[in-house]
N, C-alpha and C. Protein backbone atom coordinates (compact mmCIF):
# COMPACT_ATOMS: atom_id res chain seq x y z
N UNK A 1 21.97 -28.66 -8.99
CA UNK A 1 22.60 -29.74 -9.16
C UNK A 1 23.10 -29.72 -10.85
N UNK A 2 24.58 -29.84 -11.02
CA UNK A 2 24.84 -29.75 -12.45
C UNK A 2 24.54 -30.59 -13.28
N UNK A 3 24.67 -30.75 -14.86
CA UNK A 3 24.29 -31.54 -15.50
C UNK A 3 25.16 -32.89 -15.17
N UNK A 4 26.38 -32.19 -15.25
CA UNK A 4 27.08 -33.57 -15.19
C UNK A 4 26.82 -34.15 -14.07
N UNK A 5 26.79 -33.96 -12.76
CA UNK A 5 26.45 -34.53 -11.49
C UNK A 5 24.94 -35.64 -11.70
N UNK A 6 24.06 -35.14 -12.68
CA UNK A 6 22.95 -35.60 -12.47
C UNK A 6 22.87 -36.85 -13.92
N UNK A 7 24.12 -36.48 -14.58
CA UNK A 7 24.39 -37.59 -15.75
C UNK A 7 25.15 -38.39 -15.05
N UNK A 8 26.18 -38.15 -14.06
CA UNK A 8 26.73 -39.37 -13.64
C UNK A 8 25.74 -40.09 -12.70
N UNK A 9 24.77 -39.73 -11.56
CA UNK A 9 24.02 -40.31 -10.67
C UNK A 9 23.06 -41.18 -11.85
N UNK A 10 22.35 -40.85 -12.84
CA UNK A 10 21.51 -41.57 -13.68
C UNK A 10 22.54 -42.90 -14.04
N UNK A 11 23.97 -42.51 -14.41
CA UNK A 11 24.86 -43.56 -15.17
C UNK A 11 25.04 -44.65 -14.22
N UNK A 12 25.27 -44.15 -13.03
CA UNK A 12 25.50 -45.09 -11.77
C UNK A 12 24.65 -45.97 -11.48
N UNK A 13 23.42 -45.48 -11.85
CA UNK A 13 21.99 -46.30 -11.28
C UNK A 13 21.74 -47.75 -11.84
N UNK A 14 22.42 -47.65 -13.18
CA UNK A 14 22.41 -48.62 -14.38
C UNK A 14 23.64 -49.81 -14.36
N UNK A 15 23.09 -50.72 -14.42
CA UNK A 15 24.28 -51.53 -15.08
C UNK A 15 24.29 -51.54 -16.78
N UNK A 16 25.05 -51.33 -17.17
CA UNK A 16 24.95 -51.02 -18.70
C UNK A 16 25.39 -51.88 -19.56
N UNK A 17 24.67 -52.62 -20.53
CA UNK A 17 25.12 -53.38 -21.34
C UNK A 17 25.18 -52.47 -22.49
N UNK A 18 26.26 -52.90 -23.47
CA UNK A 18 26.70 -52.16 -24.61
C UNK A 18 26.93 -53.65 -25.81
N UNK A 19 25.81 -53.59 -26.92
CA UNK A 19 26.06 -54.47 -28.07
C UNK A 19 27.35 -53.98 -28.60
N UNK A 20 28.26 -55.07 -29.09
CA UNK A 20 29.04 -54.64 -29.99
C UNK A 20 28.34 -54.50 -31.13
N UNK A 21 29.11 -53.64 -32.33
CA UNK A 21 28.64 -52.95 -33.24
C UNK A 21 28.76 -53.84 -34.45
N UNK A 22 27.54 -55.09 -34.37
CA UNK A 22 28.00 -55.83 -35.82
C UNK A 22 27.04 -55.14 -37.09
N UNK A 23 26.39 -53.90 -37.06
CA UNK A 23 25.68 -53.33 -37.91
C UNK A 23 25.95 -51.63 -38.07
N UNK A 24 25.66 -51.11 -39.34
CA UNK A 24 25.79 -49.90 -39.34
C UNK A 24 24.99 -49.05 -38.52
N UNK A 25 25.14 -47.66 -37.74
CA UNK A 25 24.22 -46.90 -37.19
C UNK A 25 22.97 -46.80 -37.79
N UNK A 26 21.61 -47.34 -37.61
CA UNK A 26 20.33 -47.02 -38.57
C UNK A 26 20.15 -48.15 -39.15
N UNK A 27 21.19 -48.83 -39.56
CA UNK A 27 20.76 -50.32 -40.59
C UNK A 27 20.59 -51.69 -40.14
N UNK A 28 20.26 -51.52 -38.72
CA UNK A 28 20.06 -52.89 -38.56
C UNK A 28 18.45 -52.69 -38.84
N UNK A 29 18.12 -54.49 -38.79
CA UNK A 29 16.39 -54.66 -38.90
C UNK A 29 15.71 -54.85 -37.85
N UNK A 30 16.40 -54.51 -36.63
CA UNK A 30 15.66 -54.81 -35.63
C UNK A 30 15.57 -56.00 -35.00
N UNK A 31 16.40 -56.90 -35.15
CA UNK A 31 16.70 -58.33 -35.16
C UNK A 31 17.23 -58.53 -33.44
N UNK A 32 17.44 -57.00 -33.03
CA UNK A 32 17.69 -57.59 -31.58
C UNK A 32 19.48 -57.23 -30.95
N UNK A 33 20.25 -56.91 -31.67
CA UNK A 33 21.45 -56.50 -31.94
C UNK A 33 22.26 -58.05 -31.69
N UNK A 34 23.76 -58.20 -31.30
CA UNK A 34 24.53 -59.21 -30.80
C UNK A 34 23.98 -59.94 -29.77
N UNK A 35 24.58 -61.04 -29.58
CA UNK A 35 24.57 -61.92 -28.93
C UNK A 35 25.53 -61.41 -27.96
N UNK A 36 26.81 -61.03 -28.24
CA UNK A 36 27.71 -61.05 -27.55
C UNK A 36 27.88 -59.54 -26.82
N UNK A 37 27.01 -59.31 -25.63
CA UNK A 37 27.04 -58.10 -25.10
C UNK A 37 27.58 -57.55 -24.12
N UNK A 38 28.86 -56.81 -23.71
CA UNK A 38 29.46 -56.99 -22.73
C UNK A 38 28.86 -55.95 -22.16
N UNK A 39 28.81 -56.34 -20.40
CA UNK A 39 28.04 -55.46 -19.41
C UNK A 39 29.15 -54.32 -18.76
N UNK A 40 28.70 -53.66 -18.66
CA UNK A 40 29.55 -52.61 -17.82
C UNK A 40 29.03 -52.67 -16.27
N UNK A 41 30.47 -52.44 -15.35
CA UNK A 41 29.77 -52.47 -14.25
C UNK A 41 28.90 -51.23 -13.65
N UNK A 42 28.48 -51.13 -12.86
CA UNK A 42 27.60 -50.07 -11.78
C UNK A 42 28.76 -49.02 -12.09
N UNK A 43 28.26 -47.70 -12.24
CA UNK A 43 28.90 -47.00 -12.58
C UNK A 43 29.67 -46.49 -13.78
N UNK A 44 29.67 -47.47 -14.18
CA UNK A 44 30.69 -47.13 -16.02
C UNK A 44 29.56 -47.19 -16.75
N UNK A 45 30.19 -46.59 -17.87
CA UNK A 45 29.41 -46.76 -19.09
C UNK A 45 30.45 -46.97 -20.37
N UNK A 46 29.83 -47.99 -21.31
CA UNK A 46 30.62 -48.10 -22.55
C UNK A 46 31.35 -46.96 -23.53
N UNK A 47 32.58 -46.55 -23.37
CA UNK A 47 32.96 -45.75 -24.63
C UNK A 47 33.49 -46.27 -25.64
N UNK A 48 33.00 -45.89 -26.81
CA UNK A 48 33.19 -46.80 -28.17
C UNK A 48 34.59 -45.78 -28.58
N UNK A 49 35.08 -44.76 -27.92
CA UNK A 49 36.25 -44.26 -28.33
C UNK A 49 37.32 -45.05 -27.77
N UNK A 50 36.83 -45.69 -26.46
CA UNK A 50 38.14 -45.95 -26.08
C UNK A 50 37.98 -47.75 -26.02
N UNK A 51 36.77 -48.31 -26.38
CA UNK A 51 36.56 -49.48 -26.73
C UNK A 51 36.79 -50.26 -25.29
N UNK A 52 35.86 -49.70 -24.10
CA UNK A 52 36.12 -50.53 -23.04
C UNK A 52 35.18 -49.43 -22.30
N UNK A 53 34.81 -50.35 -20.98
CA UNK A 53 34.03 -49.55 -19.98
C UNK A 53 34.50 -48.41 -19.24
N UNK A 54 34.22 -47.49 -19.35
CA UNK A 54 35.06 -46.48 -18.10
C UNK A 54 34.01 -45.75 -17.13
N UNK A 55 34.42 -45.48 -16.06
CA UNK A 55 33.80 -44.33 -15.10
C UNK A 55 33.12 -43.40 -15.19
N UNK A 56 31.77 -43.52 -15.18
CA UNK A 56 30.99 -42.17 -15.91
C UNK A 56 30.98 -40.97 -15.08
N UNK A 57 32.05 -40.67 -14.39
CA UNK A 57 32.93 -39.46 -14.50
C UNK A 57 33.86 -39.21 -14.47
N UNK A 58 34.34 -39.88 -15.77
CA UNK A 58 35.50 -39.58 -16.42
C UNK A 58 35.27 -38.71 -17.53
N UNK A 59 35.12 -37.33 -17.39
CA UNK A 59 34.73 -36.60 -18.46
C UNK A 59 33.19 -36.76 -19.19
N UNK A 60 32.98 -35.75 -19.50
CA UNK A 60 31.55 -35.51 -20.36
C UNK A 60 31.16 -37.06 -21.37
N UNK A 61 30.34 -37.68 -21.29
CA UNK A 61 29.87 -38.92 -21.83
C UNK A 61 29.13 -38.36 -23.22
N UNK A 62 29.60 -39.01 -24.41
CA UNK A 62 29.23 -38.11 -25.49
C UNK A 62 27.86 -38.95 -26.30
N UNK A 63 27.01 -38.10 -26.87
CA UNK A 63 25.67 -38.46 -27.21
C UNK A 63 25.86 -40.15 -28.00
N UNK A 64 27.02 -40.21 -28.61
CA UNK A 64 26.89 -41.46 -29.50
C UNK A 64 27.18 -42.53 -28.43
N UNK A 65 27.84 -42.16 -27.36
CA UNK A 65 27.91 -43.58 -26.68
C UNK A 65 26.57 -43.72 -25.57
N UNK A 66 25.96 -42.56 -25.72
CA UNK A 66 24.60 -42.65 -24.38
C UNK A 66 23.52 -43.16 -25.56
N UNK A 67 23.75 -42.92 -26.95
CA UNK A 67 22.91 -43.69 -27.72
C UNK A 67 23.38 -45.05 -27.96
N UNK A 68 24.11 -45.27 -28.15
CA UNK A 68 24.63 -46.91 -28.31
C UNK A 68 24.30 -47.85 -27.17
N UNK A 69 24.44 -47.10 -26.01
CA UNK A 69 24.20 -47.60 -24.86
C UNK A 69 22.81 -47.96 -24.74
N UNK A 70 21.85 -47.00 -24.89
CA UNK A 70 20.13 -47.07 -24.93
C UNK A 70 19.89 -47.88 -25.97
N UNK A 71 20.67 -48.07 -27.32
CA UNK A 71 20.08 -48.89 -28.13
C UNK A 71 20.28 -50.50 -27.72
N UNK A 72 21.53 -50.85 -27.13
CA UNK A 72 21.91 -51.94 -26.63
C UNK A 72 20.72 -52.46 -25.34
N UNK A 73 20.15 -51.23 -24.60
CA UNK A 73 19.64 -51.72 -23.66
C UNK A 73 17.93 -52.01 -23.81
N UNK A 74 17.69 -51.32 -25.22
CA UNK A 74 16.43 -51.49 -26.06
C UNK A 74 16.34 -52.99 -26.52
N UNK A 75 17.62 -53.56 -27.32
CA UNK A 75 17.89 -54.97 -27.57
C UNK A 75 17.78 -55.97 -27.18
N UNK A 76 17.86 -55.52 -25.29
CA UNK A 76 18.08 -56.53 -24.66
C UNK A 76 16.78 -56.69 -23.91
N UNK A 77 15.90 -55.73 -24.67
CA UNK A 77 14.39 -55.83 -23.61
C UNK A 77 14.29 -55.05 -22.27
N UNK A 78 15.43 -54.24 -22.04
CA UNK A 78 15.22 -53.42 -20.90
C UNK A 78 14.75 -51.77 -21.33
N UNK A 79 13.40 -51.90 -21.62
CA UNK A 79 12.95 -50.82 -22.45
C UNK A 79 12.99 -49.54 -21.59
N UNK A 80 12.84 -49.64 -20.34
CA UNK A 80 12.49 -48.61 -19.08
C UNK A 80 13.87 -48.05 -19.16
N UNK A 81 15.09 -48.77 -19.19
CA UNK A 81 16.45 -48.41 -18.72
C UNK A 81 17.06 -47.73 -20.27
N UNK A 82 16.32 -48.05 -21.77
CA UNK A 82 16.83 -47.72 -22.61
C UNK A 82 16.21 -46.26 -22.46
N UNK A 83 14.98 -46.18 -22.10
CA UNK A 83 14.22 -44.77 -22.52
C UNK A 83 15.12 -43.80 -21.70
N UNK A 84 15.14 -44.02 -20.08
CA UNK A 84 16.26 -43.52 -19.44
C UNK A 84 17.27 -42.58 -20.05
N UNK A 85 18.15 -43.99 -20.74
CA UNK A 85 19.54 -43.56 -21.17
C UNK A 85 19.28 -42.41 -22.44
N UNK A 86 18.17 -42.88 -23.14
CA UNK A 86 18.20 -41.96 -24.50
C UNK A 86 18.00 -40.49 -24.11
N UNK A 87 17.06 -40.47 -22.99
CA UNK A 87 16.44 -39.22 -22.47
C UNK A 87 17.84 -38.41 -22.22
N UNK A 88 19.00 -39.01 -22.09
CA UNK A 88 20.24 -38.14 -21.50
C UNK A 88 20.80 -37.30 -22.69
N UNK A 89 20.77 -37.82 -23.83
CA UNK A 89 21.30 -37.85 -25.22
C UNK A 89 20.95 -36.13 -25.37
N UNK A 90 22.29 -35.47 -25.80
CA UNK A 90 21.61 -33.58 -25.74
C UNK A 90 21.28 -33.51 -27.23
N UNK A 91 21.32 -34.07 -27.97
CA UNK A 91 20.56 -33.59 -29.25
C UNK A 91 19.30 -34.41 -29.35
N UNK A 92 18.25 -33.39 -29.06
CA UNK A 92 16.59 -34.12 -28.86
C UNK A 92 16.16 -34.28 -30.41
N UNK A 93 16.88 -33.69 -31.35
CA UNK A 93 16.25 -34.21 -32.72
C UNK A 93 17.23 -35.10 -33.44
N UNK A 94 17.97 -36.04 -32.77
CA UNK A 94 18.67 -36.86 -33.45
C UNK A 94 17.58 -38.16 -34.14
N UNK A 95 17.15 -38.16 -35.47
CA UNK A 95 16.67 -39.36 -35.67
C UNK A 95 16.56 -40.63 -35.16
N UNK A 96 18.18 -41.05 -34.86
CA UNK A 96 18.42 -42.66 -34.35
C UNK A 96 17.69 -42.59 -33.05
N UNK A 97 17.75 -41.66 -32.53
CA UNK A 97 17.43 -41.48 -30.86
C UNK A 97 15.81 -41.61 -30.64
N UNK A 98 15.33 -40.80 -31.65
CA UNK A 98 13.86 -40.48 -31.91
C UNK A 98 13.44 -42.07 -32.32
N UNK A 99 13.91 -42.57 -32.75
CA UNK A 99 13.62 -44.15 -33.36
C UNK A 99 13.99 -44.96 -32.33
N UNK A 100 14.72 -44.88 -31.81
CA UNK A 100 14.97 -46.28 -30.60
C UNK A 100 13.97 -45.65 -29.28
N UNK A 101 13.48 -44.41 -29.07
CA UNK A 101 12.86 -44.19 -28.37
C UNK A 101 11.07 -44.60 -28.32
N UNK A 102 11.03 -44.46 -30.05
CA UNK A 102 9.90 -44.90 -30.49
C UNK A 102 9.34 -46.55 -30.32
N UNK A 103 10.75 -47.26 -30.47
CA UNK A 103 10.86 -48.92 -30.76
C UNK A 103 10.67 -48.83 -28.90
N UNK A 104 11.43 -48.52 -28.23
CA UNK A 104 11.20 -48.85 -26.70
C UNK A 104 9.99 -48.84 -26.02
N UNK A 105 9.23 -47.51 -26.52
CA UNK A 105 7.83 -47.35 -26.14
C UNK A 105 6.95 -48.39 -26.70
N UNK A 106 7.41 -48.56 -27.92
CA UNK A 106 6.19 -49.52 -28.45
C UNK A 106 6.40 -50.84 -28.05
N UNK A 107 7.57 -51.53 -27.73
CA UNK A 107 7.86 -52.93 -27.18
C UNK A 107 7.23 -52.67 -25.56
N UNK A 108 7.16 -51.82 -25.02
CA UNK A 108 6.74 -51.59 -23.65
C UNK A 108 5.22 -51.28 -23.38
N UNK A 109 4.56 -51.82 -24.57
CA UNK A 109 3.37 -51.46 -24.78
C UNK A 109 2.47 -50.15 -25.30
N UNK A 110 3.22 -49.16 -25.19
CA UNK A 110 2.86 -47.86 -25.77
C UNK A 110 2.95 -47.38 -26.98
N UNK A 111 2.27 -47.98 -27.47
CA UNK A 111 2.36 -47.85 -29.45
C UNK A 111 2.24 -46.57 -29.66
N UNK A 112 1.09 -45.81 -29.24
CA UNK A 112 0.27 -44.33 -29.44
C UNK A 112 1.70 -43.68 -29.39
N UNK A 113 2.49 -44.00 -28.05
CA UNK A 113 3.56 -42.86 -27.83
C UNK A 113 5.02 -43.57 -28.81
N UNK A 114 5.06 -44.63 -29.40
CA UNK A 114 6.16 -44.76 -30.62
C UNK A 114 5.86 -44.33 -31.47
N UNK A 115 4.40 -44.05 -31.92
CA UNK A 115 4.12 -43.71 -33.00
C UNK A 115 4.79 -42.23 -33.65
N UNK A 116 4.25 -41.18 -32.27
CA UNK A 116 4.86 -40.10 -32.28
C UNK A 116 6.28 -39.96 -32.35
N UNK A 117 7.10 -41.08 -31.77
CA UNK A 117 8.30 -40.63 -31.68
C UNK A 117 8.98 -41.16 -33.27
N UNK A 118 8.74 -42.61 -33.92
CA UNK A 118 8.65 -42.66 -35.14
C UNK A 118 8.38 -41.47 -36.29
N UNK A 119 7.23 -41.00 -36.22
CA UNK A 119 7.02 -39.75 -37.15
C UNK A 119 7.88 -38.57 -37.32
N UNK A 120 8.18 -38.38 -35.79
CA UNK A 120 9.27 -37.36 -35.47
C UNK A 120 10.48 -37.26 -36.24
N UNK A 121 10.82 -38.79 -35.89
CA UNK A 121 12.14 -39.09 -36.84
C UNK A 121 12.24 -38.97 -38.36
N UNK A 122 10.64 -39.48 -38.81
CA UNK A 122 10.60 -39.41 -40.31
C UNK A 122 10.32 -38.07 -40.89
N UNK A 123 10.10 -36.95 -39.99
CA UNK A 123 9.84 -35.92 -40.24
C UNK A 123 11.44 -35.03 -40.41
N UNK A 124 12.24 -35.58 -39.44
CA UNK A 124 13.39 -34.93 -39.73
C UNK A 124 14.29 -35.90 -41.04
N UNK A 125 14.00 -37.26 -41.21
CA UNK A 125 14.49 -37.85 -42.19
C UNK A 125 13.60 -39.04 -42.90
N UNK A 126 12.98 -38.45 -43.88
CA UNK A 126 11.92 -39.21 -44.35
C UNK A 126 12.75 -40.66 -45.18
N UNK A 127 13.87 -40.47 -45.10
CA UNK A 127 14.59 -41.62 -45.61
C UNK A 127 15.15 -42.32 -44.97
N UNK A 128 14.80 -42.69 -43.46
CA UNK A 128 15.11 -43.52 -42.45
C UNK A 128 14.24 -44.63 -42.23
N UNK A 129 14.63 -45.51 -43.47
CA UNK A 129 13.91 -46.92 -43.54
C UNK A 129 13.85 -47.84 -41.82
N UNK A 130 14.86 -47.62 -41.15
CA UNK A 130 14.28 -48.60 -39.94
C UNK A 130 13.47 -47.90 -39.07
N UNK A 131 13.09 -46.72 -39.37
CA UNK A 131 11.76 -45.73 -38.36
C UNK A 131 10.89 -46.19 -39.32
N UNK A 132 10.98 -46.14 -40.83
CA UNK A 132 9.44 -46.90 -41.43
C UNK A 132 9.27 -48.34 -40.94
N UNK A 133 10.44 -49.03 -41.10
CA UNK A 133 10.22 -50.31 -40.64
C UNK A 133 9.23 -50.51 -39.32
N UNK A 134 10.04 -49.80 -38.24
CA UNK A 134 9.47 -49.99 -36.82
C UNK A 134 8.21 -49.37 -36.62
N UNK A 135 7.73 -48.20 -37.61
CA UNK A 135 6.20 -47.38 -37.75
C UNK A 135 5.52 -48.69 -38.43
N UNK A 136 5.71 -49.09 -39.56
CA UNK A 136 4.98 -50.33 -40.17
C UNK A 136 4.64 -51.42 -38.81
N UNK A 137 5.40 -51.72 -38.24
CA UNK A 137 5.40 -52.85 -37.48
C UNK A 137 4.25 -52.02 -36.20
N UNK A 138 4.29 -51.03 -35.83
CA UNK A 138 3.54 -50.48 -34.84
C UNK A 138 2.30 -50.80 -35.50
N UNK A 139 2.15 -50.11 -36.76
CA UNK A 139 0.87 -49.99 -37.28
C UNK A 139 0.24 -51.62 -37.59
N UNK A 140 1.06 -52.28 -37.53
CA UNK A 140 0.41 -53.73 -37.56
C UNK A 140 0.19 -54.65 -36.08
N UNK A 141 0.74 -54.09 -35.24
CA UNK A 141 0.28 -54.31 -33.85
C UNK A 141 -1.44 -53.61 -33.58
N UNK A 142 -1.53 -52.11 -34.08
CA UNK A 142 -2.60 -51.94 -34.35
C UNK A 142 -3.56 -52.33 -35.13
N UNK A 143 -3.40 -53.12 -35.57
CA UNK A 143 -4.47 -53.93 -36.86
C UNK A 143 -4.44 -52.91 -38.11
N UNK A 144 -3.97 -51.94 -38.10
CA UNK A 144 -3.95 -51.13 -39.44
C UNK A 144 -2.80 -52.03 -40.28
N UNK A 145 -3.36 -52.66 -41.28
CA UNK A 145 -3.01 -53.09 -42.48
C UNK A 145 -2.45 -52.11 -43.58
N UNK A 146 -3.51 -51.20 -43.82
CA UNK A 146 -3.07 -50.35 -44.92
C UNK A 146 -2.28 -49.56 -45.02
N UNK A 147 -2.24 -49.17 -43.29
CA UNK A 147 -0.93 -48.20 -43.14
C UNK A 147 0.59 -48.93 -43.01
N UNK A 148 0.83 -50.19 -42.55
CA UNK A 148 1.85 -51.19 -42.74
C UNK A 148 2.37 -50.98 -43.84
N UNK A 149 1.15 -51.50 -44.83
CA UNK A 149 1.80 -51.52 -46.52
C UNK A 149 2.28 -50.31 -47.02
N UNK A 150 1.55 -49.19 -46.64
CA UNK A 150 1.99 -48.14 -47.15
C UNK A 150 3.39 -47.75 -46.88
N UNK A 151 3.91 -47.90 -45.28
CA UNK A 151 5.53 -47.87 -45.08
C UNK A 151 6.29 -48.66 -46.22
N UNK A 152 5.86 -50.07 -46.26
CA UNK A 152 6.43 -50.88 -46.85
C UNK A 152 6.68 -50.69 -48.09
N UNK A 153 5.76 -49.63 -48.84
CA UNK A 153 6.03 -48.91 -50.31
C UNK A 153 6.87 -48.05 -50.23
N UNK A 154 6.96 -47.25 -48.82
CA UNK A 154 8.17 -46.21 -49.01
C UNK A 154 9.10 -46.55 -48.74
N UNK A 155 9.53 -47.80 -48.20
CA UNK A 155 10.81 -48.59 -47.71
C UNK A 155 11.20 -49.02 -49.15
N UNK A 156 10.37 -49.57 -49.76
CA UNK A 156 10.89 -49.82 -51.36
C UNK A 156 11.29 -48.83 -52.06
N UNK A 157 10.74 -47.61 -52.19
CA UNK A 157 11.28 -46.39 -52.81
C UNK A 157 12.58 -45.74 -52.44
N UNK A 158 12.95 -46.49 -51.47
CA UNK A 158 14.00 -45.90 -50.86
C UNK A 158 15.34 -46.89 -50.97
N UNK A 159 14.99 -48.21 -50.65
CA UNK A 159 15.86 -49.04 -50.67
C UNK A 159 15.84 -50.29 -51.76
N UNK A 160 14.35 -50.25 -51.95
CA UNK A 160 14.32 -51.79 -52.97
C UNK A 160 13.87 -52.60 -52.07
N UNK A 161 13.68 -53.84 -52.67
CA UNK A 161 12.97 -55.06 -52.13
C UNK A 161 14.30 -55.78 -51.51
N UNK A 162 15.24 -55.33 -51.70
CA UNK A 162 16.38 -56.28 -51.28
C UNK A 162 16.95 -55.70 -50.25
N UNK A 163 16.47 -54.98 -49.44
CA UNK A 163 17.03 -53.99 -47.96
C UNK A 163 16.37 -54.87 -46.84
N UNK A 164 17.15 -55.22 -46.08
CA UNK A 164 17.01 -56.04 -44.57
C UNK A 164 15.51 -55.11 -44.19
N UNK A 165 15.32 -54.05 -43.98
CA UNK A 165 14.18 -53.72 -43.47
C UNK A 165 12.87 -53.59 -44.39
N UNK A 166 12.92 -53.60 -45.56
CA UNK A 166 11.55 -54.30 -46.39
C UNK A 166 11.64 -55.51 -46.40
N UNK A 167 12.21 -56.49 -46.31
CA UNK A 167 12.30 -58.12 -46.30
C UNK A 167 11.77 -58.15 -44.66
N UNK A 168 11.87 -57.15 -43.78
CA UNK A 168 11.33 -57.91 -42.30
C UNK A 168 9.83 -57.38 -42.14
N UNK A 169 9.50 -56.22 -43.00
CA UNK A 169 8.47 -55.93 -42.62
C UNK A 169 7.65 -56.50 -43.60
N UNK A 170 7.94 -57.15 -44.73
CA UNK A 170 7.39 -57.61 -45.84
C UNK A 170 6.85 -58.95 -45.03
N UNK A 171 7.74 -59.69 -44.29
CA UNK A 171 7.65 -61.07 -43.31
C UNK A 171 6.52 -60.75 -42.39
N UNK A 172 6.53 -59.57 -41.47
CA UNK A 172 5.46 -59.30 -40.35
C UNK A 172 4.01 -58.81 -40.89
N UNK A 173 4.33 -58.47 -41.99
CA UNK A 173 2.93 -58.20 -43.18
C UNK A 173 2.07 -59.79 -43.49
N UNK A 174 3.34 -60.32 -44.11
CA UNK A 174 2.80 -61.77 -44.02
C UNK A 174 2.04 -62.42 -43.10
N UNK A 175 2.67 -62.53 -42.29
CA UNK A 175 2.29 -62.94 -41.11
C UNK A 175 1.21 -63.06 -40.35
N UNK A 176 0.58 -61.81 -40.68
CA UNK A 176 -1.12 -61.41 -40.52
C UNK A 176 -2.00 -61.66 -41.39
N UNK A 177 -1.18 -62.07 -42.43
CA UNK A 177 -2.20 -62.47 -43.54
C UNK A 177 -2.34 -61.21 -44.57
N UNK A 178 -1.35 -60.40 -44.44
CA UNK A 178 -1.82 -59.24 -45.56
C UNK A 178 -0.89 -59.68 -46.64
């Protein structure tokens, strides 16, 4: 079976919501994306280039469209589908993809798997503060306050106390009494 047929079959099996991009790639603090999530019909994927849903067999689907769709699925709480979609991205070393795989696994209860993806993303891009925020949240889930505070410090070094990722992790640390 060709890669194209496999990709089309995977896409056809999903109804794909895609969040409108109200944030820059990698710059969202994890609030869940937009409330205005267009939904493509079964057999379609949202194309950023065309700004509409297109048949999944209409040429190759690029990594950015797969990532955006996977991210939207994750923020919509459809973690299994997000993992499946993100797995179709050809660049397996894209820190954005690794981060969203970490997010989806963590939110699905597979925290240790999520940790591995976050750490891999940060090995590639140590300045990726959204991955640091999510890593800190994962540490909090495991009860490791010291490691979460370490990530907060790393975020501060990279973007200061005024960035959204710092504020979100600081709020979560405070909520657990740290």
